[in-house]
Structure formats: structure tokens, C-alpha cells
Protein backbone atom coordinates (compact mmCIF):
# COMPACT_ATOMS: atom_id res chain seq x y z
CA MET A 1 0.00 0.00 0.00
CA GLU A 2 2.83 2.35 0.89
CA TYR A 3 4.56 1.58 -2.43
CA LEU A 4 1.33 2.35 -4.30
CA LEU A 5 0.97 5.70 -2.56
CA GLU A 6 4.59 6.53 -3.31
CA SER A 7 4.08 5.65 -6.99
CA ILE A 8 0.98 7.86 -7.20
CA ALA A 9 2.83 10.72 -5.53
CA ARG A 10 5.71 10.29 -7.96
CA TYR A 11 3.34 10.39 -10.95
CA PHE A 12 1.79 13.60 -9.65
CA GLU A 13 5.24 15.08 -9.19
CA VAL A 14 6.40 14.08 -12.67
CA GLY A 15 3.22 15.31 -14.35
CA GLY A 16 3.40 18.77 -12.83
CA TYR A 17 0.45 21.07 -12.33
CA VAL A 18 -1.71 19.41 -15.02
CA MET A 19 -1.86 16.15 -13.10
CA PRO A 20 -4.65 17.09 -10.63
CA PRO A 21 -7.12 18.11 -13.39
CA LEU A 22 -6.18 15.04 -15.45
CA ALA A 23 -6.74 12.75 -12.47
CA LEU A 24 -10.05 14.45 -11.68
CA GLY A 25 -11.08 14.14 -15.32
CA ALA A 26 -10.30 10.43 -15.30
CA LEU A 27 -12.41 9.85 -12.19
CA LEU A 28 -15.34 11.86 -13.56
CA LEU A 29 -15.08 10.13 -16.93
CA TRP A 30 -15.31 6.61 -15.56
CA TYR A 31 -18.09 7.57 -13.17
CA ALA A 32 -20.06 9.07 -16.07
CA LEU A 33 -19.42 6.05 -18.29
CA GLY A 34 -20.52 3.70 -15.51
CA TYR A 35 -23.70 5.69 -14.96
CA ARG A 36 -24.55 5.70 -18.66
CA PHE A 37 -23.85 2.00 -19.00
CA SER A 38 -26.13 1.13 -16.08
CA SER A 39 -28.93 3.48 -17.15
CA LEU A 40 -28.98 2.68 -20.88
CA GLN A 41 -30.61 -0.72 -20.46
CA ARG A 42 -33.12 -1.60 -23.16
CA GLY A 43 -34.72 -4.61 -21.52
CA GLY A 44 -36.86 -7.18 -23.27
CA GLY A 45 -34.01 -9.43 -24.39
CA GLN A 46 -33.84 -10.08 -28.12
CA TYR A 47 -37.54 -9.44 -28.71
CA SER A 48 -38.46 -6.69 -31.14
CA VAL A 49 -40.68 -3.81 -30.06
CA ARG A 50 -43.70 -5.29 -31.85
CA GLU A 51 -43.15 -8.68 -30.19
CA LEU A 52 -42.84 -7.07 -26.77
CA LEU A 53 -46.05 -5.10 -27.33
CA ASP A 54 -47.93 -8.22 -28.39
CA ARG A 55 -46.67 -10.23 -25.43
CA TYR A 56 -47.60 -7.47 -23.01
CA ARG A 57 -51.10 -7.08 -24.45
CA GLU A 58 -51.64 -10.84 -24.25
CA GLY A 59 -50.56 -10.87 -20.62
CA SER A 60 -47.73 -13.34 -21.25
CA TRP A 61 -45.04 -10.90 -20.21
CA GLN A 62 -44.67 -8.26 -17.52
CA PRO A 63 -42.03 -5.51 -17.74
CA ARG A 64 -39.31 -5.76 -15.13
CA ASN A 65 -36.56 -3.34 -16.03
CA GLY A 66 -35.19 -1.42 -18.94
CA ILE A 67 -36.29 1.76 -20.67
CA VAL A 68 -38.11 0.09 -23.56
CA GLU A 69 -39.94 -2.29 -21.24
CA ASP A 70 -41.11 0.56 -19.04
CA ALA A 71 -42.10 2.62 -22.10
CA ILE A 72 -44.24 -0.25 -23.43
CA ARG A 73 -46.07 -0.58 -20.12
CA ARG A 74 -46.64 3.15 -19.89
CA GLY A 75 -47.62 3.52 -23.55
CA VAL A 76 -50.20 0.72 -23.44
CA GLU A 77 -51.71 2.15 -20.26
CA ILE A 78 -52.05 5.56 -21.91
CA LYS A 79 -53.64 4.01 -25.00
CA ARG A 80 -56.15 2.12 -22.86
CA SER A 81 -57.24 5.40 -21.27
CA ASN A 82 -58.23 6.49 -24.82
CA PRO A 83 -56.98 10.11 -24.70
CA PRO A 84 -58.16 12.46 -27.48
CA ARG A 85 -54.63 13.10 -28.83
CA LEU A 86 -52.72 9.90 -28.22
CA ARG A 87 -49.47 10.99 -29.91
CA ALA A 88 -49.21 14.13 -27.79
CA TRP A 89 -49.81 12.12 -24.63
CA LEU A 90 -47.14 9.61 -25.61
CA ASP A 91 -44.68 12.37 -26.47
CA ASP A 92 -45.18 13.98 -23.07
CA ALA A 93 -44.84 10.66 -21.25
CA PHE A 94 -41.73 9.58 -23.15
CA ASN A 95 -40.02 12.94 -22.70
CA GLU A 96 -39.21 11.79 -19.19
CA TYR A 97 -36.76 9.29 -20.67
CA SER A 98 -34.72 12.04 -22.35
CA GLU A 99 -32.95 13.06 -19.16
CA LEU A 100 -32.07 9.44 -18.43
CA LEU A 101 -30.85 8.80 -21.98
CA ASN A 102 -28.70 11.93 -22.08
CA GLY A 103 -27.33 11.65 -18.56
CA TYR A 104 -23.64 12.68 -18.42
CA ARG A 105 -23.36 12.49 -22.21
CA VAL A 106 -22.01 16.04 -22.46
CA LEU A 107 -19.60 15.41 -19.58
CA VAL A 108 -18.11 12.36 -21.31
CA ARG A 109 -17.64 14.24 -24.57
CA SER A 110 -16.12 17.25 -22.81
CA ILE A 111 -13.56 15.18 -20.91
CA VAL A 112 -12.63 13.26 -24.06
CA VAL A 113 -11.93 16.57 -25.81
CA VAL A 114 -10.21 18.35 -22.91
CA SER A 115 -7.91 15.53 -21.70
CA PRO A 116 -5.55 15.56 -24.73
CA LEU A 117 -5.45 19.35 -24.54
CA LEU A 118 -4.42 19.17 -20.88
CA GLY A 119 -1.80 16.61 -21.87
CA LEU A 120 -0.56 19.00 -24.54
CA LEU A 121 -0.39 21.79 -21.97
CA GLY A 122 1.78 19.57 -19.79
CA THR A 123 3.93 18.82 -22.82
CA VAL A 124 4.48 22.52 -23.47
CA ALA A 125 5.33 23.10 -19.81
CA GLY A 126 7.80 20.21 -19.89
CA MET A 127 9.46 21.48 -23.05
CA ILE A 128 9.77 24.96 -21.56
CA GLU A 129 11.53 23.46 -18.56
CA THR A 130 13.78 21.48 -20.89
CA PHE A 131 14.76 24.55 -22.92
CA ASP A 132 15.37 26.54 -19.74
CA SER A 133 17.71 23.81 -18.54
CA LEU A 134 19.50 23.78 -21.88
CA GLN A 135 19.87 27.54 -21.77
CA GLU A 136 21.42 27.29 -18.33
CA MET A 137 23.39 24.16 -19.34
CA ALA A 138 21.89 22.39 -16.35
CA MET A 139 21.54 18.71 -17.14
CA PHE A 140 20.54 17.92 -13.57
CA THR A 141 19.18 20.39 -11.04
CA ALA A 142 17.21 20.25 -7.84
CA ASP A 143 14.05 20.50 -9.96
CA GLY A 144 15.15 17.75 -12.31
CA GLY A 145 16.60 19.73 -15.17
CA ILE A 146 16.35 18.39 -18.71
CA ALA A 147 15.35 14.89 -17.63
CA ALA A 148 12.42 16.18 -15.60
CA GLY A 149 11.22 18.41 -18.42
CA VAL A 150 11.29 15.58 -20.98
CA SER A 151 9.58 13.22 -18.52
CA GLN A 152 6.79 15.70 -17.89
CA ALA A 153 6.34 16.35 -21.61
CA LEU A 154 6.01 12.67 -22.48
CA PHE A 155 4.07 11.59 -19.42
CA THR A 156 1.31 14.18 -19.64
CA THR A 157 0.80 13.56 -23.35
CA GLN A 158 0.55 9.84 -22.73
CA LEU A 159 -1.84 10.26 -19.82
CA GLY A 160 -4.11 12.61 -21.76
CA LEU A 161 -4.40 10.04 -24.56
CA VAL A 162 -4.89 7.16 -22.11
CA ILE A 163 -7.88 9.01 -20.67
CA ALA A 164 -9.33 10.20 -23.98
CA ILE A 165 -9.10 7.10 -26.20
CA PRO A 166 -11.07 4.64 -23.98
CA GLY A 167 -13.54 7.42 -23.19
CA MET A 168 -14.08 8.09 -26.88
CA LEU A 169 -14.57 4.40 -27.77
CA LEU A 170 -16.89 3.60 -24.87
CA GLY A 171 -18.71 6.89 -25.33
CA ARG A 172 -19.47 6.07 -28.96
CA PHE A 173 -20.62 2.58 -27.99
CA LEU A 174 -23.03 4.05 -25.43
CA ASP A 175 -24.19 6.73 -27.87
CA LYS A 176 -25.06 3.97 -30.34
CA ARG A 177 -27.01 2.14 -27.65
CA GLN A 178 -28.84 5.38 -26.85
CA GLN A 179 -29.77 5.85 -30.49
CA GLU A 180 -31.15 2.29 -30.66
CA ILE A 181 -33.30 2.89 -27.57
CA GLU A 182 -34.55 6.19 -29.01
CA ARG A 183 -35.55 4.39 -32.23
CA ASP A 184 -37.40 1.79 -30.17
CA LEU A 185 -39.26 4.51 -28.30
CA ASP A 186 -40.31 6.14 -31.59
CA GLN A 187 -41.43 2.75 -32.89
CA ILE A 188 -43.55 2.17 -29.79
CA LYS A 189 -45.35 5.47 -30.37
CA ASP A 190 -45.83 4.73 -34.07
CA ILE A 191 -47.28 1.27 -33.43
CA LEU A 192 -49.60 2.43 -30.65
CA CYS A 193 -50.87 5.35 -32.73
CA SER A 194 -51.43 3.24 -35.85
CA THR A 195 -53.34 0.35 -34.26
CA PRO A 196 -57.08 0.47 -33.53
CA ALA A 197 -58.14 1.30 -30.01
CA GLU A 198 -59.55 -2.14 -29.37
CA VAL A 199 -56.18 -3.79 -30.04
CA GLY A 200 -54.82 -2.09 -26.96
CA GLU A 201 -57.36 -3.90 -24.78
CA ARG A 202 -56.43 -7.14 -23.18
């Protein structure tokens, strides 16, 4: 444990003043990705939206979890109440899923963009230190000299990319899942609005 703490302290020292924001960005990124992964659950297994609607109407399936499952339950209940403008009612009801679907999406994208820039800032700071050491002909100083400047330049660039690349890949995967769920929600509204009122009755 002590060795781990010493290693972390050394990394912070090598990275310079850009290390705290990079570390904070990494923590926020993985928290946001974990939240999006847990919340973007479709539900319903491999069944299509139409199959799930039919099974729910027949009483052979009850929604348990997942956005699409909950939307089917809510949509069928609204249809059974026979409102005068069904589509408007469904739009209002399904708008509640927007906040869940877009949760931390902007944060993930922002960190993915900012992390390499912070790494580049650390690179510039490291190169400045390197050139200062060269100007003073100080290969090794109390602050590290040329070696410290080069280490900071390379380390911060690497860390910025290590944060950004997984965040970009996982973020795109979750964005694709979000788009699929949004298409399912639109399909639920289309099917419910295009079927006769009596079909919605069990």
C-alpha cells in the first residue's frame, strides 16, 4: 500500500500542475461512463418492439426493467385510457426518458476533448523546462533539469491520450445504444398510434 501511494505521488510530481485536473477528469469520466452503461438498459431481451407489445397485451409478459420495457407498459396504459390526442400524450410521457438517456453524455464528450489538450499543456510546460535547462546548461538540477522536463512532456501527453481514447470508444458505444433505444421509443409510439383502439385492450 505504501509503495502504491509513493508511486501515485511520484506520478503527480512528474506530471506537474496538469496532473490534478487530469486525475479528476479520469475519475469523472469513468463515473459518467458507468452511470450511462447502467442506465442505458433496453430490456426485453432479443424481442423486437412489436413482439414485446404483443406479449404485453396478451398478458404473457410483464415488464421488469429497462427503458423500452417501461415505455411499453406506460404507452399501453395511456392508450387504454383512450386520450383524445394519443401521440401528444405519448410524447409527453416519453419525454421523461430524455434526461435518463442523455445523462452525463455532455460530460463524457467534454472530458474526451479536454484531456488531450491538458496533456498537450503539460507537454508545453515540460518542453519549456527542458529549454530553460539547456539555456542554463543544467543537465541535472534540484528541480530535475532536462530529464524532468522531458519526462513531464512525455508523461502528460501519454496520460491525456490514455484518458481520452477509452472514453471516446466507450462513449461512442453508449451513444449507439442510446440511439437504438430512441428508435425503439419512436417505434412504440408509431405502433400504438397506428393500431385500432380495441387492439390495446387485453
